[in-house]
Amino acid sequence: AEEIFDALAKDGVEVHHLLLHADSYAIAKRIEGSMEFPGDEERSEKV
């Protein structure tokens, strides 16, 4: 992160670093409810 953000700063680019945080339970619940490849359960489960 520092390598990327420092390079951007060196080029005069302003960076706003937002972090979308959630507790582990919420993250796990969202992951279980996701379907990245509708109709392809095997690929979705790999994700």
ModelCIF file with pLDDT and N, C-alpha, C, O atoms, coordinates in Angstrom:
data_MODEL
#
_entry.id   MODEL 
#
_entity.id                         1 
_entity.type                       polymer 
_entity.pdbx_number_of_molecules   1 
#
_entity_poly.entity_id                      1 
_entity_poly.type                           'polypeptide(L)' 
_entity_poly.nstd_linkage                   no 
_entity_poly.nstd_monomer                   no 
_entity_poly.pdbx_seq_one_letter_code       AEEIFDALAKDGVEVHHLLLHADSYAIAKRIEGSMEFPGDEERSEKV 
_entity_poly.pdbx_seq_one_letter_code_can   AEEIFDALAKDGVEVHHLLLHADSYAIAKRIEGSMEFPGDEERSEKV 
_entity_poly.pdbx_strand_id                 A 
#
loop_
_entity_poly_seq.entity_id 
_entity_poly_seq.num 
_entity_poly_seq.mon_id 
_entity_poly_seq.hetero 
1 1  ALA n 
1 2  GLU n 
1 3  GLU n 
1 4  ILE n 
1 5  PHE n 
1 6  ASP n 
1 7  ALA n 
1 8  LEU n 
1 9  ALA n 
1 10 LYS n 
1 11 ASP n 
1 12 GLY n 
1 13 VAL n 
1 14 GLU n 
1 15 VAL n 
1 16 HIS n 
1 17 HIS n 
1 18 LEU n 
1 19 LEU n 
1 20 LEU n 
1 21 HIS n 
1 22 ALA n 
1 23 ASP n 
1 24 SER n 
1 25 TYR n 
1 26 ALA n 
1 27 ILE n 
1 28 ALA n 
1 29 LYS n 
1 30 ARG n 
1 31 ILE n 
1 32 GLU n 
1 33 GLY n 
1 34 SER n 
1 35 MET n 
1 36 GLU n 
1 37 PHE n 
1 38 PRO n 
1 39 GLY n 
1 40 ASP n 
1 41 GLU n 
1 42 GLU n 
1 43 ARG n 
1 44 SER n 
1 45 GLU n 
1 46 LYS n 
1 47 VAL n 
#
_struct_asym.id          A 
_struct_asym.entity_id   1 
#
loop_
_ma_qa_metric.id 
_ma_qa_metric.mode 
_ma_qa_metric.name 
_ma_qa_metric.software_group_id 
_ma_qa_metric.type 
1 global pLDDT . pLDDT 
2 local  pLDDT . pLDDT 
#
_ma_qa_metric_global.metric_id      1 
_ma_qa_metric_global.metric_value   92.68 
_ma_qa_metric_global.model_id       1 
_ma_qa_metric_global.ordinal_id     1 
#
loop_
_ma_qa_metric_local.label_asym_id 
_ma_qa_metric_local.label_comp_id 
_ma_qa_metric_local.label_seq_id 
_ma_qa_metric_local.metric_id 
_ma_qa_metric_local.metric_value 
_ma_qa_metric_local.model_id 
_ma_qa_metric_local.ordinal_id 
A ALA 1  2 98.00 1 1  
A GLU 2  2 97.00 1 2  
A GLU 3  2 98.00 1 3  
A ILE 4  2 98.00 1 4  
A PHE 5  2 98.00 1 5  
A ASP 6  2 98.00 1 6  
A ALA 7  2 98.00 1 7  
A LEU 8  2 98.00 1 8  
A ALA 9  2 97.00 1 9  
A LYS 10 2 98.00 1 10 
A ASP 11 2 97.00 1 11 
A GLY 12 2 96.00 1 12 
A VAL 13 2 97.00 1 13 
A GLU 14 2 96.00 1 14 
A VAL 15 2 97.00 1 15 
A HIS 16 2 97.00 1 16 
A HIS 17 2 98.00 1 17 
A LEU 18 2 98.00 1 18 
A LEU 19 2 98.00 1 19 
A LEU 20 2 97.00 1 20 
A HIS 21 2 96.00 1 21 
A ALA 22 2 93.00 1 22 
A ASP 23 2 90.00 1 23 
A SER 24 2 89.00 1 24 
A TYR 25 2 91.00 1 25 
A ALA 26 2 91.00 1 26 
A ILE 27 2 90.00 1 27 
A ALA 28 2 91.00 1 28 
A LYS 29 2 90.00 1 29 
A ARG 30 2 88.00 1 30 
A ILE 31 2 88.00 1 31 
A GLU 32 2 86.00 1 32 
A GLY 33 2 83.00 1 33 
A SER 34 2 82.00 1 34 
A MET 35 2 82.00 1 35 
A GLU 36 2 83.00 1 36 
A PHE 37 2 89.00 1 37 
A PRO 38 2 89.00 1 38 
A GLY 39 2 90.00 1 39 
A ASP 40 2 92.00 1 40 
A GLU 41 2 90.00 1 41 
A GLU 42 2 92.00 1 42 
A ARG 43 2 91.00 1 43 
A SER 44 2 90.00 1 44 
A GLU 45 2 92.00 1 45 
A LYS 46 2 91.00 1 46 
A VAL 47 2 88.00 1 47 
#
loop_
_atom_site.group_PDB 
_atom_site.id 
_atom_site.type_symbol 
_atom_site.label_atom_id 
_atom_site.label_alt_id 
_atom_site.label_comp_id 
_atom_site.label_asym_id 
_atom_site.label_entity_id 
_atom_site.label_seq_id 
_atom_site.pdbx_PDB_ins_code 
_atom_site.Cartn_x 
_atom_site.Cartn_y 
_atom_site.Cartn_z 
_atom_site.occupancy 
_atom_site.B_iso_or_equiv 
_atom_site.pdbx_formal_charge 
_atom_site.auth_seq_id 
_atom_site.auth_comp_id 
_atom_site.auth_asym_id 
_atom_site.auth_atom_id 
_atom_site.pdbx_PDB_model_num 
ATOM 1   N N  . ALA A 1 1  ? 0.836   -1.201  0.000   1.00 98.00 ? 1  ALA A N  1 
ATOM 2   C CA . ALA A 1 1  ? 0.000   0.000   0.000   1.00 98.00 ? 1  ALA A CA 1 
ATOM 3   C C  . ALA A 1 1  ? 0.872   1.253   0.000   1.00 98.00 ? 1  ALA A C  1 
ATOM 4   O O  . ALA A 1 1  ? 0.626   2.193   -0.757  1.00 98.00 ? 1  ALA A O  1 
ATOM 5   N N  . GLU A 1 2  ? 1.885   1.255   0.852   1.00 97.00 ? 2  GLU A N  1 
ATOM 6   C CA . GLU A 1 2  ? 2.758   2.426   0.925   1.00 97.00 ? 2  GLU A CA 1 
ATOM 7   C C  . GLU A 1 2  ? 3.504   2.646   -0.383  1.00 97.00 ? 2  GLU A C  1 
ATOM 8   O O  . GLU A 1 2  ? 3.682   3.786   -0.812  1.00 97.00 ? 2  GLU A O  1 
ATOM 9   N N  . GLU A 1 3  ? 3.938   1.568   -1.017  1.00 98.00 ? 3  GLU A N  1 
ATOM 10  C CA . GLU A 1 3  ? 4.645   1.699   -2.290  1.00 98.00 ? 3  GLU A CA 1 
ATOM 11  C C  . GLU A 1 3  ? 3.744   2.361   -3.341  1.00 98.00 ? 3  GLU A C  1 
ATOM 12  O O  . GLU A 1 3  ? 4.179   3.267   -4.053  1.00 98.00 ? 3  GLU A O  1 
ATOM 13  N N  . ILE A 1 4  ? 2.513   1.915   -3.432  1.00 98.00 ? 4  ILE A N  1 
ATOM 14  C CA . ILE A 1 4  ? 1.577   2.482   -4.411  1.00 98.00 ? 4  ILE A CA 1 
ATOM 15  C C  . ILE A 1 4  ? 1.220   3.923   -4.048  1.00 98.00 ? 4  ILE A C  1 
ATOM 16  O O  . ILE A 1 4  ? 1.284   4.812   -4.896  1.00 98.00 ? 4  ILE A O  1 
ATOM 17  N N  . PHE A 1 5  ? 0.849   4.151   -2.802  1.00 98.00 ? 5  PHE A N  1 
ATOM 18  C CA . PHE A 1 5  ? 0.417   5.484   -2.394  1.00 98.00 ? 5  PHE A CA 1 
ATOM 19  C C  . PHE A 1 5  ? 1.564   6.483   -2.431  1.00 98.00 ? 5  PHE A C  1 
ATOM 20  O O  . PHE A 1 5  ? 1.353   7.648   -2.771  1.00 98.00 ? 5  PHE A O  1 
ATOM 21  N N  . ASP A 1 6  ? 2.778   6.051   -2.088  1.00 98.00 ? 6  ASP A N  1 
ATOM 22  C CA . ASP A 1 6  ? 3.940   6.942   -2.167  1.00 98.00 ? 6  ASP A CA 1 
ATOM 23  C C  . ASP A 1 6  ? 4.238   7.318   -3.617  1.00 98.00 ? 6  ASP A C  1 
ATOM 24  O O  . ASP A 1 6  ? 4.578   8.467   -3.898  1.00 98.00 ? 6  ASP A O  1 
ATOM 25  N N  . ALA A 1 7  ? 4.115   6.364   -4.536  1.00 98.00 ? 7  ALA A N  1 
ATOM 26  C CA . ALA A 1 7  ? 4.340   6.653   -5.961  1.00 98.00 ? 7  ALA A CA 1 
ATOM 27  C C  . ALA A 1 7  ? 3.303   7.655   -6.466  1.00 98.00 ? 7  ALA A C  1 
ATOM 28  O O  . ALA A 1 7  ? 3.634   8.554   -7.239  1.00 98.00 ? 7  ALA A O  1 
ATOM 29  N N  . LEU A 1 8  ? 2.069   7.507   -6.039  1.00 98.00 ? 8  LEU A N  1 
ATOM 30  C CA . LEU A 1 8  ? 1.026   8.447   -6.442  1.00 98.00 ? 8  LEU A CA 1 
ATOM 31  C C  . LEU A 1 8  ? 1.316   9.840   -5.879  1.00 98.00 ? 8  LEU A C  1 
ATOM 32  O O  . LEU A 1 8  ? 1.186   10.838  -6.588  1.00 98.00 ? 8  LEU A O  1 
ATOM 33  N N  . ALA A 1 9  ? 1.706   9.905   -4.619  1.00 97.00 ? 9  ALA A N  1 
ATOM 34  C CA . ALA A 1 9  ? 2.033   11.201  -4.005  1.00 97.00 ? 9  ALA A CA 1 
ATOM 35  C C  . ALA A 1 9  ? 3.197   11.866  -4.730  1.00 97.00 ? 9  ALA A C  1 
ATOM 36  O O  . ALA A 1 9  ? 3.188   13.076  -4.957  1.00 97.00 ? 9  ALA A O  1 
ATOM 37  N N  . LYS A 1 10 ? 4.198   11.066  -5.092  1.00 98.00 ? 10 LYS A N  1 
ATOM 38  C CA . LYS A 1 10 ? 5.361   11.594  -5.819  1.00 98.00 ? 10 LYS A CA 1 
ATOM 39  C C  . LYS A 1 10 ? 4.930   12.203  -7.155  1.00 98.00 ? 10 LYS A C  1 
ATOM 40  O O  . LYS A 1 10 ? 5.536   13.164  -7.629  1.00 98.00 ? 10 LYS A O  1 
ATOM 41  N N  . ASP A 1 11 ? 3.877   11.638  -7.760  1.00 97.00 ? 11 ASP A N  1 
ATOM 42  C CA . ASP A 1 11 ? 3.350   12.156  -9.023  1.00 97.00 ? 11 ASP A CA 1 
ATOM 43  C C  . ASP A 1 11 ? 2.335   13.281  -8.809  1.00 97.00 ? 11 ASP A C  1 
ATOM 44  O O  . ASP A 1 11 ? 1.734   13.774  -9.763  1.00 97.00 ? 11 ASP A O  1 
ATOM 45  N N  . GLY A 1 12 ? 2.153   13.678  -7.558  1.00 96.00 ? 12 GLY A N  1 
ATOM 46  C CA . GLY A 1 12 ? 1.241   14.781  -7.259  1.00 96.00 ? 12 GLY A CA 1 
ATOM 47  C C  . GLY A 1 12 ? -0.226  14.410  -7.242  1.00 96.00 ? 12 GLY A C  1 
ATOM 48  O O  . GLY A 1 12 ? -1.093  15.271  -7.387  1.00 96.00 ? 12 GLY A O  1 
ATOM 49  N N  . VAL A 1 13 ? -0.507  13.121  -7.066  1.00 97.00 ? 13 VAL A N  1 
ATOM 50  C CA . VAL A 1 13 ? -1.889  12.647  -7.068  1.00 97.00 ? 13 VAL A CA 1 
ATOM 51  C C  . VAL A 1 13 ? -2.363  12.498  -5.628  1.00 97.00 ? 13 VAL A C  1 
ATOM 52  O O  . VAL A 1 13 ? -1.735  11.817  -4.818  1.00 97.00 ? 13 VAL A O  1 
ATOM 53  N N  . GLU A 1 14 ? -3.481  13.147  -5.327  1.00 96.00 ? 14 GLU A N  1 
ATOM 54  C CA . GLU A 1 14 ? -4.096  13.055  -4.003  1.00 96.00 ? 14 GLU A CA 1 
ATOM 55  C C  . GLU A 1 14 ? -4.788  11.695  -3.871  1.00 96.00 ? 14 GLU A C  1 
ATOM 56  O O  . GLU A 1 14 ? -5.494  11.265  -4.783  1.00 96.00 ? 14 GLU A O  1 
ATOM 57  N N  . VAL A 1 15 ? -4.585  11.024  -2.740  1.00 97.00 ? 15 VAL A N  1 
ATOM 58  C CA . VAL A 1 15 ? -5.196  9.714   -2.503  1.00 97.00 ? 15 VAL A CA 1 
ATOM 59  C C  . VAL A 1 15 ? -6.066  9.771   -1.254  1.00 97.00 ? 15 VAL A C  1 
ATOM 60  O O  . VAL A 1 15 ? -5.638  10.225  -0.192  1.00 97.00 ? 15 VAL A O  1 
ATOM 61  N N  . HIS A 1 16 ? -7.289  9.300   -1.410  1.00 97.00 ? 16 HIS A N  1 
ATOM 62  C CA . HIS A 1 16 ? -8.182  9.088   -0.268  1.00 97.00 ? 16 HIS A CA 1 
ATOM 63  C C  . HIS A 1 16 ? -8.337  7.586   -0.129  1.00 97.00 ? 16 HIS A C  1 
ATOM 64  O O  . HIS A 1 16 ? -8.876  6.922   -1.015  1.00 97.00 ? 16 HIS A O  1 
ATOM 65  N N  . HIS A 1 17 ? -7.867  7.061   0.977   1.00 98.00 ? 17 HIS A N  1 
ATOM 66  C CA . HIS A 1 17 ? -7.874  5.621   1.231   1.00 98.00 ? 17 HIS A CA 1 
ATOM 67  C C  . HIS A 1 17 ? -9.056  5.303   2.143   1.00 98.00 ? 17 HIS A C  1 
ATOM 68  O O  . HIS A 1 17 ? -9.010  5.565   3.344   1.00 98.00 ? 17 HIS A O  1 
ATOM 69  N N  . LEU A 1 18 ? -10.112 4.738   1.564   1.00 98.00 ? 18 LEU A N  1 
ATOM 70  C CA . LEU A 1 18 ? -11.287 4.352   2.330   1.00 98.00 ? 18 LEU A CA 1 
ATOM 71  C C  . LEU A 1 18 ? -11.221 2.863   2.642   1.00 98.00 ? 18 LEU A C  1 
ATOM 72  O O  . LEU A 1 18 ? -10.848 2.057   1.790   1.00 98.00 ? 18 LEU A O  1 
ATOM 73  N N  . LEU A 1 19 ? -11.580 2.510   3.849   1.00 98.00 ? 19 LEU A N  1 
ATOM 74  C CA . LEU A 1 19 ? -11.617 1.113   4.256   1.00 98.00 ? 19 LEU A CA 1 
ATOM 75  C C  . LEU A 1 19 ? -13.043 0.733   4.608   1.00 98.00 ? 19 LEU A C  1 
ATOM 76  O O  . LEU A 1 19 ? -13.634 1.295   5.530   1.00 98.00 ? 19 LEU A O  1 
ATOM 77  N N  . LEU A 1 20 ? -13.592 -0.218  3.873   1.00 97.00 ? 20 LEU A N  1 
ATOM 78  C CA . LEU A 1 20 ? -14.915 -0.744  4.177   1.00 97.00 ? 20 LEU A CA 1 
ATOM 79  C C  . LEU A 1 20 ? -14.732 -1.892  5.159   1.00 97.00 ? 20 LEU A C  1 
ATOM 80  O O  . LEU A 1 20 ? -14.437 -3.021  4.766   1.00 97.00 ? 20 LEU A O  1 
ATOM 81  N N  . HIS A 1 21 ? -14.907 -1.596  6.418   1.00 96.00 ? 21 HIS A N  1 
ATOM 82  C CA . HIS A 1 21 ? -14.675 -2.580  7.479   1.00 96.00 ? 21 HIS A CA 1 
ATOM 83  C C  . HIS A 1 21 ? -16.007 -3.224  7.882   1.00 96.00 ? 21 HIS A C  1 
ATOM 84  O O  . HIS A 1 21 ? -17.064 -2.595  7.832   1.00 96.00 ? 21 HIS A O  1 
ATOM 85  N N  . ALA A 1 22 ? -15.923 -4.476  8.276   1.00 93.00 ? 22 ALA A N  1 
ATOM 86  C CA . ALA A 1 22 ? -17.054 -5.182  8.876   1.00 93.00 ? 22 ALA A CA 1 
ATOM 87  C C  . ALA A 1 22 ? -16.484 -6.226  9.819   1.00 93.00 ? 22 ALA A C  1 
ATOM 88  O O  . ALA A 1 22 ? -15.352 -6.681  9.649   1.00 93.00 ? 22 ALA A O  1 
ATOM 89  N N  . ASP A 1 23 ? -17.274 -6.602  10.813  1.00 90.00 ? 23 ASP A N  1 
ATOM 90  C CA . ASP A 1 23 ? -16.773 -7.630  11.717  1.00 90.00 ? 23 ASP A CA 1 
ATOM 91  C C  . ASP A 1 23 ? -16.724 -8.972  10.984  1.00 90.00 ? 23 ASP A C  1 
ATOM 92  O O  . ASP A 1 23 ? -17.376 -9.155  9.955   1.00 90.00 ? 23 ASP A O  1 
ATOM 93  N N  . SER A 1 24 ? -15.953 -9.890  11.523  1.00 89.00 ? 24 SER A N  1 
ATOM 94  C CA . SER A 1 24 ? -15.698 -11.175 10.860  1.00 89.00 ? 24 SER A CA 1 
ATOM 95  C C  . SER A 1 24 ? -16.974 -11.967 10.597  1.00 89.00 ? 24 SER A C  1 
ATOM 96  O O  . SER A 1 24 ? -17.104 -12.620 9.561   1.00 89.00 ? 24 SER A O  1 
ATOM 97  N N  . TYR A 1 25 ? -17.898 -11.910 11.520  1.00 91.00 ? 25 TYR A N  1 
ATOM 98  C CA . TYR A 1 25 ? -19.158 -12.629 11.340  1.00 91.00 ? 25 TYR A CA 1 
ATOM 99  C C  . TYR A 1 25 ? -19.907 -12.083 10.127  1.00 91.00 ? 25 TYR A C  1 
ATOM 100 O O  . TYR A 1 25 ? -20.406 -12.848 9.302   1.00 91.00 ? 25 TYR A O  1 
ATOM 101 N N  . ALA A 1 26 ? -19.982 -10.764 10.021  1.00 91.00 ? 26 ALA A N  1 
ATOM 102 C CA . ALA A 1 26 ? -20.685 -10.145 8.890   1.00 91.00 ? 26 ALA A CA 1 
ATOM 103 C C  . ALA A 1 26 ? -19.991 -10.467 7.574   1.00 91.00 ? 26 ALA A C  1 
ATOM 104 O O  . ALA A 1 26 ? -20.649 -10.732 6.568   1.00 91.00 ? 26 ALA A O  1 
ATOM 105 N N  . ILE A 1 27 ? -18.670 -10.443 7.584   1.00 90.00 ? 27 ILE A N  1 
ATOM 106 C CA . ILE A 1 27 ? -17.923 -10.767 6.359   1.00 90.00 ? 27 ILE A CA 1 
ATOM 107 C C  . ILE A 1 27 ? -18.215 -12.208 5.943   1.00 90.00 ? 27 ILE A C  1 
ATOM 108 O O  . ILE A 1 27 ? -18.516 -12.477 4.780   1.00 90.00 ? 27 ILE A O  1 
ATOM 109 N N  . ALA A 1 28 ? -18.125 -13.128 6.902   1.00 91.00 ? 28 ALA A N  1 
ATOM 110 C CA . ALA A 1 28 ? -18.374 -14.545 6.587   1.00 91.00 ? 28 ALA A CA 1 
ATOM 111 C C  . ALA A 1 28 ? -19.789 -14.747 6.058   1.00 91.00 ? 28 ALA A C  1 
ATOM 112 O O  . ALA A 1 28 ? -19.999 -15.523 5.126   1.00 91.00 ? 28 ALA A O  1 
ATOM 113 N N  . LYS A 1 29 ? -20.746 -14.063 6.639   1.00 90.00 ? 29 LYS A N  1 
ATOM 114 C CA . LYS A 1 29 ? -22.142 -14.183 6.208   1.00 90.00 ? 29 LYS A CA 1 
ATOM 115 C C  . LYS A 1 29 ? -22.311 -13.658 4.778   1.00 90.00 ? 29 LYS A C  1 
ATOM 116 O O  . LYS A 1 29 ? -23.020 -14.260 3.972   1.00 90.00 ? 29 LYS A O  1 
ATOM 117 N N  . ARG A 1 30 ? -21.658 -12.536 4.469   1.00 88.00 ? 30 ARG A N  1 
ATOM 118 C CA . ARG A 1 30 ? -21.733 -11.980 3.111   1.00 88.00 ? 30 ARG A CA 1 
ATOM 119 C C  . ARG A 1 30 ? -21.090 -12.934 2.100   1.00 88.00 ? 30 ARG A C  1 
ATOM 120 O O  . ARG A 1 30 ? -21.606 -13.141 1.002   1.00 88.00 ? 30 ARG A O  1 
ATOM 121 N N  . ILE A 1 31 ? -19.961 -13.504 2.495   1.00 88.00 ? 31 ILE A N  1 
ATOM 122 C CA . ILE A 1 31 ? -19.277 -14.435 1.598   1.00 88.00 ? 31 ILE A CA 1 
ATOM 123 C C  . ILE A 1 31 ? -20.175 -15.625 1.298   1.00 88.00 ? 31 ILE A C  1 
ATOM 124 O O  . ILE A 1 31 ? -20.308 -16.034 0.145   1.00 88.00 ? 31 ILE A O  1 
ATOM 125 N N  . GLU A 1 32 ? -20.788 -16.179 2.332   1.00 86.00 ? 32 GLU A N  1 
ATOM 126 C CA . GLU A 1 32 ? -21.637 -17.356 2.131   1.00 86.00 ? 32 GLU A CA 1 
ATOM 127 C C  . GLU A 1 32 ? -22.838 -17.053 1.249   1.00 86.00 ? 32 GLU A C  1 
ATOM 128 O O  . GLU A 1 32 ? -23.337 -17.938 0.555   1.00 86.00 ? 32 GLU A O  1 
ATOM 129 N N  . GLY A 1 33 ? -23.303 -15.816 1.271   1.00 83.00 ? 33 GLY A N  1 
ATOM 130 C CA . GLY A 1 33 ? -24.464 -15.447 0.475   1.00 83.00 ? 33 GLY A CA 1 
ATOM 131 C C  . GLY A 1 33 ? -24.135 -14.999 -0.941  1.00 83.00 ? 33 GLY A C  1 
ATOM 132 O O  . GLY A 1 33 ? -25.030 -14.650 -1.710  1.00 83.00 ? 33 GLY A O  1 
ATOM 133 N N  . SER A 1 34 ? -22.855 -15.009 -1.284  1.00 82.00 ? 34 SER A N  1 
ATOM 134 C CA . SER A 1 34 ? -22.475 -14.499 -2.612  1.00 82.00 ? 34 SER A CA 1 
ATOM 135 C C  . SER A 1 34 ? -22.534 -15.590 -3.673  1.00 82.00 ? 34 SER A C  1 
ATOM 136 O O  . SER A 1 34 ? -22.351 -16.774 -3.389  1.00 82.00 ? 34 SER A O  1 
ATOM 137 N N  . MET A 1 35 ? -22.791 -15.162 -4.885  1.00 82.00 ? 35 MET A N  1 
ATOM 138 C CA . MET A 1 35 ? -22.805 -16.059 -6.035  1.00 82.00 ? 35 MET A CA 1 
ATOM 139 C C  . MET A 1 35 ? -22.130 -15.297 -7.161  1.00 82.00 ? 35 MET A C  1 
ATOM 140 O O  . MET A 1 35 ? -22.779 -14.583 -7.924  1.00 82.00 ? 35 MET A O  1 
ATOM 141 N N  . GLU A 1 36 ? -20.827 -15.458 -7.252  1.00 83.00 ? 36 GLU A N  1 
ATOM 142 C CA . GLU A 1 36 ? -20.044 -14.716 -8.244  1.00 83.00 ? 36 GLU A CA 1 
ATOM 143 C C  . GLU A 1 36 ? -20.346 -15.151 -9.668  1.00 83.00 ? 36 GLU A C  1 
ATOM 144 O O  . GLU A 1 36 ? -20.298 -14.344 -10.596 1.00 83.00 ? 36 GLU A O  1 
ATOM 145 N N  . PHE A 1 37 ? -20.654 -16.418 -9.835  1.00 89.00 ? 37 PHE A N  1 
ATOM 146 C CA . PHE A 1 37 ? -20.925 -16.964 -11.162 1.00 89.00 ? 37 PHE A CA 1 
ATOM 147 C C  . PHE A 1 37 ? -22.280 -17.666 -11.133 1.00 89.00 ? 37 PHE A C  1 
ATOM 148 O O  . PHE A 1 37 ? -22.353 -18.881 -10.949 1.00 89.00 ? 37 PHE A O  1 
ATOM 149 N N  . PRO A 1 38 ? -23.356 -16.893 -11.315 1.00 89.00 ? 38 PRO A N  1 
ATOM 150 C CA . PRO A 1 38 ? -24.690 -17.509 -11.288 1.00 89.00 ? 38 PRO A CA 1 
ATOM 151 C C  . PRO A 1 38 ? -24.774 -18.679 -12.274 1.00 89.00 ? 38 PRO A C  1 
ATOM 152 O O  . PRO A 1 38 ? -24.377 -18.574 -13.434 1.00 89.00 ? 38 PRO A O  1 
ATOM 153 N N  . GLY A 1 39 ? -25.298 -19.776 -11.776 1.00 90.00 ? 39 GLY A N  1 
ATOM 154 C CA . GLY A 1 39 ? -25.417 -20.967 -12.602 1.00 90.00 ? 39 GLY A CA 1 
ATOM 155 C C  . GLY A 1 39 ? -24.187 -21.854 -12.566 1.00 90.00 ? 39 GLY A C  1 
ATOM 156 O O  . GLY A 1 39 ? -24.198 -22.949 -13.129 1.00 90.00 ? 39 GLY A O  1 
ATOM 157 N N  . ASP A 1 40 ? -23.127 -21.399 -11.912 1.00 92.00 ? 40 ASP A N  1 
ATOM 158 C CA . ASP A 1 40 ? -21.899 -22.200 -11.823 1.00 92.00 ? 40 ASP A CA 1 
ATOM 159 C C  . ASP A 1 40 ? -21.469 -22.251 -10.359 1.00 92.00 ? 40 ASP A C  1 
ATOM 160 O O  . ASP A 1 40 ? -20.597 -21.501 -9.920  1.00 92.00 ? 40 ASP A O  1 
ATOM 161 N N  . GLU A 1 41 ? -22.097 -23.145 -9.627  1.00 90.00 ? 41 GLU A N  1 
ATOM 162 C CA . GLU A 1 41 ? -21.851 -23.266 -8.194  1.00 90.00 ? 41 GLU A CA 1 
ATOM 163 C C  . GLU A 1 41 ? -20.399 -23.614 -7.892  1.00 90.00 ? 41 GLU A C  1 
ATOM 164 O O  . GLU A 1 41 ? -19.837 -23.116 -6.916  1.00 90.00 ? 41 GLU A O  1 
ATOM 165 N N  . GLU A 1 42 ? -19.787 -24.456 -8.709  1.00 92.00 ? 42 GLU A N  1 
ATOM 166 C CA . GLU A 1 42 ? -18.408 -24.869 -8.456  1.00 92.00 ? 42 GLU A CA 1 
ATOM 167 C C  . GLU A 1 42 ? -17.447 -23.677 -8.501  1.00 92.00 ? 42 GLU A C  1 
ATOM 168 O O  . GLU A 1 42 ? -16.621 -23.512 -7.604  1.00 92.00 ? 42 GLU A O  1 
ATOM 169 N N  . ARG A 1 43 ? -17.552 -22.860 -9.526  1.00 91.00 ? 43 ARG A N  1 
ATOM 170 C CA . ARG A 1 43 ? -16.686 -21.675 -9.634  1.00 91.00 ? 43 ARG A CA 1 
ATOM 171 C C  . ARG A 1 43 ? -16.983 -20.689 -8.514  1.00 91.00 ? 43 ARG A C  1 
ATOM 172 O O  . ARG A 1 43 ? -16.065 -20.100 -7.943  1.00 91.00 ? 43 ARG A O  1 
ATOM 173 N N  . SER A 1 44 ? -18.262 -20.505 -8.196  1.00 90.00 ? 44 SER A N  1 
ATOM 174 C CA . SER A 1 44 ? -18.642 -19.592 -7.123  1.00 90.00 ? 44 SER A CA 1 
ATOM 175 C C  . SER A 1 44 ? -18.082 -20.054 -5.781  1.00 90.00 ? 44 SER A C  1 
ATOM 176 O O  . SER A 1 44 ? -17.629 -19.239 -4.978  1.00 90.00 ? 44 SER A O  1 
ATOM 177 N N  . GLU A 1 45 ? -18.116 -21.347 -5.545  1.00 92.00 ? 45 GLU A N  1 
ATOM 178 C CA . GLU A 1 45 ? -17.586 -21.878 -4.284  1.00 92.00 ? 45 GLU A CA 1 
ATOM 179 C C  . GLU A 1 45 ? -16.078 -21.675 -4.193  1.00 92.00 ? 45 GLU A C  1 
ATOM 180 O O  . GLU A 1 45 ? -15.557 -21.426 -3.106  1.00 92.00 ? 45 GLU A O  1 
ATOM 181 N N  . LYS A 1 46 ? -15.371 -21.777 -5.308  1.00 91.00 ? 46 LYS A N  1 
ATOM 182 C CA . LYS A 1 46 ? -13.927 -21.511 -5.290  1.00 91.00 ? 46 LYS A CA 1 
ATOM 183 C C  . LYS A 1 46 ? -13.652 -20.078 -4.859  1.00 91.00 ? 46 LYS A C  1 
ATOM 184 O O  . LYS A 1 46 ? -12.720 -19.828 -4.094  1.00 91.00 ? 46 LYS A O  1 
ATOM 185 N N  . VAL A 1 47 ? -14.451 -19.138 -5.340  1.00 88.00 ? 47 VAL A N  1 
ATOM 186 C CA . VAL A 1 47 ? -14.295 -17.737 -4.942  1.00 88.00 ? 47 VAL A CA 1 
ATOM 187 C C  . VAL A 1 47 ? -14.610 -17.580 -3.460  1.00 88.00 ? 47 VAL A C  1 
ATOM 188 O O  . VAL A 1 47 ? -14.537 -16.473 -2.927  1.00 88.00 ? 47 VAL A O  1 
#
